């Protein structure tokens, strides 16, 4: 939970440390100011909450287990083969995936020259598999919504009315679709049951748009089956649901019994 420039962690057995910010590095006098973009990666016995210090421009994390969590955060240790220093990134964080996508953390960084960089790293080993300057157009600067493809490592983003895909392998972007109405939210649902009833939704990209000329019914949810990087089409629509008000956030409720 993000509140008052702090990140808080709650587990069933750690209520007693609910009021202690997770963004406090051991040995430092006060918590650092974290980005609103943080990542929770489930990796087995220990899960990791990865955070970004917006003032010192560095990554830190807290280990979380079933019974408790670390009392303090620790800085990410930079591997010898690293492409950048986790403790001194020298860039601002634009966006970071909320969960480990395909076993990796996706992040977009911006340097002081205004250049955007894409990175993908493992939350457990901290190995950096991708770190490159992004070849993107002017619309990227206005992108507000991002979603990382768990199957193909493609980064999708919404800028105004337009849905784009950034292809790390080829280091290029392509326009997927112009909806003619603003994108308001997007994500890949991760908790939809593997059931034939949900074939049009599970693991598909969801894009919410809104037409302000119809305030009560102008919201639309669109689902896309994504394909490997550079495929034609890059993403194909599977189903659409309309008649909503302005979408603010969307999630899927999984019911007991897998339905």
Protein backbone atom coordinates (compact mmCIF):
# COMPACT_ATOMS: atom_id res chain seq x y z
CA UNK A 1 0.00 0.00 0.00
CA UNK A 2 1.32 3.45 -0.99
CA UNK A 3 0.39 6.33 1.32
CA UNK A 4 2.04 9.61 2.37
CA UNK A 5 5.21 8.91 0.37
CA UNK A 6 5.68 5.51 2.00
CA UNK A 7 5.01 1.88 1.07
CA UNK A 8 3.46 -0.40 3.68
CA UNK A 9 3.28 -4.19 3.76
CA UNK A 10 0.61 -6.24 5.50
CA UNK A 11 0.63 -10.01 5.95
CA UNK A 12 -1.69 -12.06 8.16
CA UNK A 13 1.01 -12.47 10.79
CA UNK A 14 2.82 -9.14 10.53
CA UNK A 15 0.17 -6.70 11.68
CA UNK A 16 2.58 -5.47 14.31
CA UNK A 17 4.83 -3.92 11.63
CA UNK A 18 2.04 -2.59 9.42
CA UNK A 19 2.90 0.97 10.44
CA UNK A 20 6.62 0.60 9.68
CA UNK A 21 7.39 1.80 6.13
CA UNK A 22 8.97 -0.83 3.90
CA UNK A 23 11.03 1.88 2.17
CA UNK A 24 13.56 2.27 5.00
CA UNK A 25 17.08 1.02 4.25
CA UNK A 26 18.87 -0.45 7.25
CA UNK A 27 21.43 1.93 8.70
CA UNK A 28 19.82 5.06 7.24
CA UNK A 29 18.15 7.65 9.47
CA UNK A 30 14.83 7.91 7.64
CA UNK A 31 12.78 6.17 4.94
CA UNK A 32 13.54 7.17 1.35
CA UNK A 33 10.88 8.62 -0.94
CA UNK A 34 9.69 5.73 -3.14
CA UNK A 35 8.16 5.83 -6.58
CA UNK A 36 4.50 4.91 -6.82
CA UNK A 37 5.64 2.17 -9.19
CA UNK A 38 6.79 -0.84 -7.15
CA UNK A 39 6.98 -4.54 -7.89
CA UNK A 40 5.86 -7.55 -5.90
CA UNK A 41 7.46 -10.74 -7.17
CA UNK A 42 6.44 -14.16 -5.89
CA UNK A 43 9.57 -16.30 -6.21
CA UNK A 44 8.98 -19.19 -3.82
CA UNK A 45 9.76 -19.25 -0.11
CA UNK A 46 10.66 -15.57 -0.13
CA UNK A 47 8.78 -12.96 -2.13
CA UNK A 48 10.34 -9.61 -2.90
CA UNK A 49 8.95 -6.09 -2.88
CA UNK A 50 11.19 -4.06 -5.19
CA UNK A 51 11.10 -0.27 -4.85
CA UNK A 52 12.78 2.75 -6.44
CA UNK A 53 14.18 5.70 -4.50
CA UNK A 54 13.17 8.76 -6.56
CA UNK A 55 15.66 11.12 -4.88
CA UNK A 56 18.82 9.00 -4.86
CA UNK A 57 17.71 7.13 -8.01
CA UNK A 58 18.41 3.61 -6.79
CA UNK A 59 16.60 0.29 -6.34
CA UNK A 60 15.91 -1.39 -2.99
CA UNK A 61 13.88 -4.38 -1.86
CA UNK A 62 12.27 -6.08 1.12
CA UNK A 63 11.95 -9.85 1.55
CA UNK A 64 8.46 -11.04 2.47
CA UNK A 65 7.68 -14.50 3.83
CA UNK A 66 4.49 -16.24 4.99
CA UNK A 67 5.09 -15.39 8.64
CA UNK A 68 6.87 -12.04 8.45
CA UNK A 69 8.93 -9.63 6.38
CA UNK A 70 12.36 -8.03 6.67
CA UNK A 71 12.41 -5.20 9.19
CA UNK A 72 14.37 -3.01 6.78
CA UNK A 73 14.90 -2.72 3.06
CA UNK A 74 18.27 -3.46 1.48
CA UNK A 75 19.82 -2.02 -1.66
CA UNK A 76 19.92 -4.31 -4.68
CA UNK A 77 23.36 -5.82 -5.16
CA UNK A 78 24.68 -5.17 -8.65
CA UNK A 79 26.03 -8.33 -10.39
CA UNK A 80 29.45 -8.16 -12.02
CA UNK A 81 27.82 -8.66 -15.43
CA UNK A 82 25.35 -5.79 -14.89
CA UNK A 83 24.60 -3.20 -17.54
CA UNK A 84 23.79 -0.51 -14.96
CA UNK A 85 24.32 0.05 -11.23
CA UNK A 86 21.21 -0.62 -9.12
CA UNK A 87 22.52 1.67 -6.36
CA UNK A 88 23.27 4.56 -8.72
CA UNK A 89 21.01 4.32 -11.75
CA UNK A 90 21.52 7.98 -12.78
CA UNK A 91 18.02 7.92 -14.29
CA UNK A 92 14.44 8.52 -13.20
CA UNK A 93 11.94 5.67 -13.09
CA UNK A 94 9.03 6.22 -15.49
CA UNK A 95 7.27 2.90 -14.90
CA UNK A 96 7.87 -0.53 -13.36
CA UNK A 97 5.70 -3.64 -13.69
CA UNK A 98 3.62 -4.34 -10.58
CA UNK A 99 4.31 -8.09 -10.63
CA UNK A 100 7.05 -10.32 -12.00
CA UNK A 101 6.02 -10.80 -15.62
CA UNK A 102 7.32 -14.00 -17.13
CA UNK A 103 9.66 -14.21 -14.14
CA UNK A 104 11.14 -10.75 -14.73
CA UNK A 105 10.69 -7.14 -13.69
CA UNK A 106 10.09 -4.71 -16.57
CA UNK A 107 10.98 -1.03 -16.14
CA UNK A 108 11.25 2.15 -18.19
CA UNK A 109 13.87 4.73 -17.18
CA UNK A 110 14.56 8.27 -18.37
CA UNK A 111 17.99 9.92 -18.28
CA UNK A 112 18.81 13.60 -17.87
CA UNK A 113 19.03 14.01 -21.64
CA UNK A 114 15.38 12.97 -22.00
CA UNK A 115 16.19 9.56 -23.48
CA UNK A 116 14.12 6.52 -22.51
CA UNK A 117 15.70 3.21 -21.58
CA UNK A 118 14.06 -0.20 -21.25
CA UNK A 119 15.30 -2.81 -18.80
CA UNK A 120 14.26 -6.30 -17.80
CA UNK A 121 15.84 -8.03 -14.79
CA UNK A 122 15.26 -11.04 -12.56
CA UNK A 123 13.92 -10.19 -9.07
CA UNK A 124 15.78 -13.11 -7.45
CA UNK A 125 19.17 -13.29 -9.18
CA UNK A 126 19.11 -9.59 -10.18
CA UNK A 127 20.62 -10.50 -13.56
CA UNK A 128 19.83 -7.86 -16.19
CA UNK A 129 18.77 -9.54 -19.42
CA UNK A 130 17.87 -6.31 -21.28
CA UNK A 131 19.04 -2.71 -20.95
CA UNK A 132 18.83 -0.55 -24.05
CA UNK A 133 17.95 2.94 -25.22
CA UNK A 134 14.45 2.82 -26.65
CA UNK A 135 13.83 3.76 -30.28
CA UNK A 136 10.39 5.34 -29.82
CA UNK A 137 8.46 8.27 -31.27
CA UNK A 138 7.15 11.49 -29.77
CA UNK A 139 3.94 9.89 -28.46
CA UNK A 140 5.92 7.87 -25.93
CA UNK A 141 6.55 10.99 -23.83
CA UNK A 142 2.78 11.21 -23.25
CA UNK A 143 2.26 7.53 -22.46
CA UNK A 144 0.35 7.07 -19.20
CA UNK A 145 -0.50 3.37 -19.21
CA UNK A 146 1.83 0.40 -19.63
CA UNK A 147 1.48 -3.39 -19.66
CA UNK A 148 4.18 -6.04 -20.02
CA UNK A 149 3.35 -9.14 -22.04
CA UNK A 150 4.03 -12.21 -19.85
CA UNK A 151 4.58 -14.45 -22.87
CA UNK A 152 6.59 -12.42 -25.38
CA UNK A 153 8.33 -9.64 -23.37
CA UNK A 154 6.60 -6.99 -25.46
CA UNK A 155 5.84 -3.67 -23.77
CA UNK A 156 2.42 -2.22 -24.62
CA UNK A 157 1.58 1.37 -23.79
CA UNK A 158 -1.26 3.81 -24.25
CA UNK A 159 -0.72 7.41 -25.35
CA UNK A 160 -3.91 9.41 -25.80
CA UNK A 161 -6.16 7.39 -28.11
CA UNK A 162 -3.40 5.13 -29.40
CA UNK A 163 -2.17 1.70 -28.35
CA UNK A 164 1.49 1.02 -29.17
CA UNK A 165 3.78 -1.97 -28.82
CA UNK A 166 7.49 -1.65 -28.09
CA UNK A 167 9.48 -4.62 -29.39
CA UNK A 168 12.72 -4.96 -27.37
CA UNK A 169 14.25 -7.55 -29.70
CA UNK A 170 14.10 -5.21 -32.71
CA UNK A 171 14.22 -2.02 -30.59
CA UNK A 172 11.31 -0.40 -32.39
CA UNK A 173 7.70 0.55 -31.75
CA UNK A 174 4.59 -0.02 -33.81
CA UNK A 175 1.08 1.36 -33.68
CA UNK A 176 -1.39 -1.38 -32.78
CA UNK A 177 -4.63 0.62 -32.94
CA UNK A 178 -6.07 4.12 -32.72
CA UNK A 179 -9.36 3.80 -30.81
CA UNK A 180 -10.56 7.34 -31.44
CA UNK A 181 -11.15 7.70 -27.68
CA UNK A 182 -8.75 7.97 -24.78
CA UNK A 183 -7.15 4.94 -23.18
CA UNK A 184 -7.88 4.99 -19.43
CA UNK A 185 -6.37 1.72 -18.15
CA UNK A 186 -4.62 -1.42 -19.41
CA UNK A 187 -3.17 -4.62 -17.99
CA UNK A 188 -2.71 -8.37 -18.48
CA UNK A 189 -5.03 -10.25 -16.06
CA UNK A 190 -2.97 -12.85 -14.20
CA UNK A 191 -5.58 -14.60 -12.06
CA UNK A 192 -8.20 -15.75 -14.57
CA UNK A 193 -8.84 -19.52 -14.31
CA UNK A 194 -7.66 -21.80 -17.09
CA UNK A 195 -11.20 -22.56 -18.16
CA UNK A 196 -12.67 -22.65 -21.69
CA UNK A 197 -15.28 -20.15 -20.53
CA UNK A 198 -12.55 -17.52 -20.23
CA UNK A 199 -10.60 -18.24 -23.40
CA UNK A 200 -11.16 -14.67 -24.67
CA UNK A 201 -9.83 -13.13 -21.47
CA UNK A 202 -7.13 -15.26 -19.87
CA UNK A 203 -3.58 -13.95 -20.49
CA UNK A 204 -4.96 -11.41 -22.97
CA UNK A 205 -4.27 -7.69 -22.94
CA UNK A 206 -7.16 -5.63 -21.58
CA UNK A 207 -7.47 -2.01 -22.74
CA UNK A 208 -10.13 0.28 -21.24
CA UNK A 209 -11.20 3.37 -23.21
CA UNK A 210 -13.68 6.16 -22.60
CA UNK A 211 -15.83 8.39 -24.81
CA UNK A 212 -16.64 11.54 -22.78
CA UNK A 213 -19.61 12.40 -24.98
CA UNK A 214 -21.42 9.54 -23.20
CA UNK A 215 -20.45 10.05 -19.53
CA UNK A 216 -22.62 7.26 -18.14
CA UNK A 217 -22.02 4.63 -20.83
CA UNK A 218 -18.87 5.67 -22.74
CA UNK A 219 -16.54 3.17 -21.11
CA UNK A 220 -15.39 0.13 -23.11
CA UNK A 221 -13.24 -2.87 -22.17
CA UNK A 222 -11.37 -4.44 -25.08
CA UNK A 223 -9.42 -7.70 -24.94
CA UNK A 224 -6.59 -8.60 -27.30
CA UNK A 225 -4.73 -11.82 -27.97
CA UNK A 226 -1.10 -10.81 -28.32
CA UNK A 227 1.41 -12.49 -30.57
CA UNK A 228 5.20 -12.77 -30.68
CA UNK A 229 7.22 -9.64 -31.33
CA UNK A 230 6.79 -8.35 -34.88
CA UNK A 231 3.89 -10.65 -35.78
CA UNK A 232 1.11 -9.52 -38.10
CA UNK A 233 -1.13 -8.72 -36.41
CA UNK A 234 0.80 -7.86 -33.26
CA UNK A 235 -2.46 -8.06 -31.29
CA UNK A 236 -5.91 -9.21 -32.39
CA UNK A 237 -9.16 -8.36 -30.64
CA UNK A 238 -11.04 -11.23 -29.00
CA UNK A 239 -14.02 -9.58 -27.34
CA UNK A 240 -15.38 -6.16 -26.32
CA UNK A 241 -17.72 -5.05 -23.55
CA UNK A 242 -19.26 -1.56 -23.48
CA UNK A 243 -21.75 0.55 -21.58
CA UNK A 244 -19.55 1.41 -18.59
CA UNK A 245 -18.89 4.77 -16.97
CA UNK A 246 -15.36 6.22 -17.02
CA UNK A 247 -12.99 3.30 -16.20
CA UNK A 248 -10.55 4.10 -13.39
CA UNK A 249 -9.21 0.62 -12.65
CA UNK A 250 -10.14 -2.90 -13.69
CA UNK A 251 -9.48 -6.22 -12.00
CA UNK A 252 -10.78 -9.76 -12.23
CA UNK A 253 -12.52 -11.50 -9.33
CA UNK A 254 -11.68 -15.19 -9.26
CA UNK A 255 -14.36 -17.26 -7.54
CA UNK A 256 -13.93 -20.50 -5.64
CA UNK A 257 -14.18 -23.51 -7.92
CA UNK A 258 -12.48 -21.77 -10.83
CA UNK A 259 -15.49 -20.03 -12.33
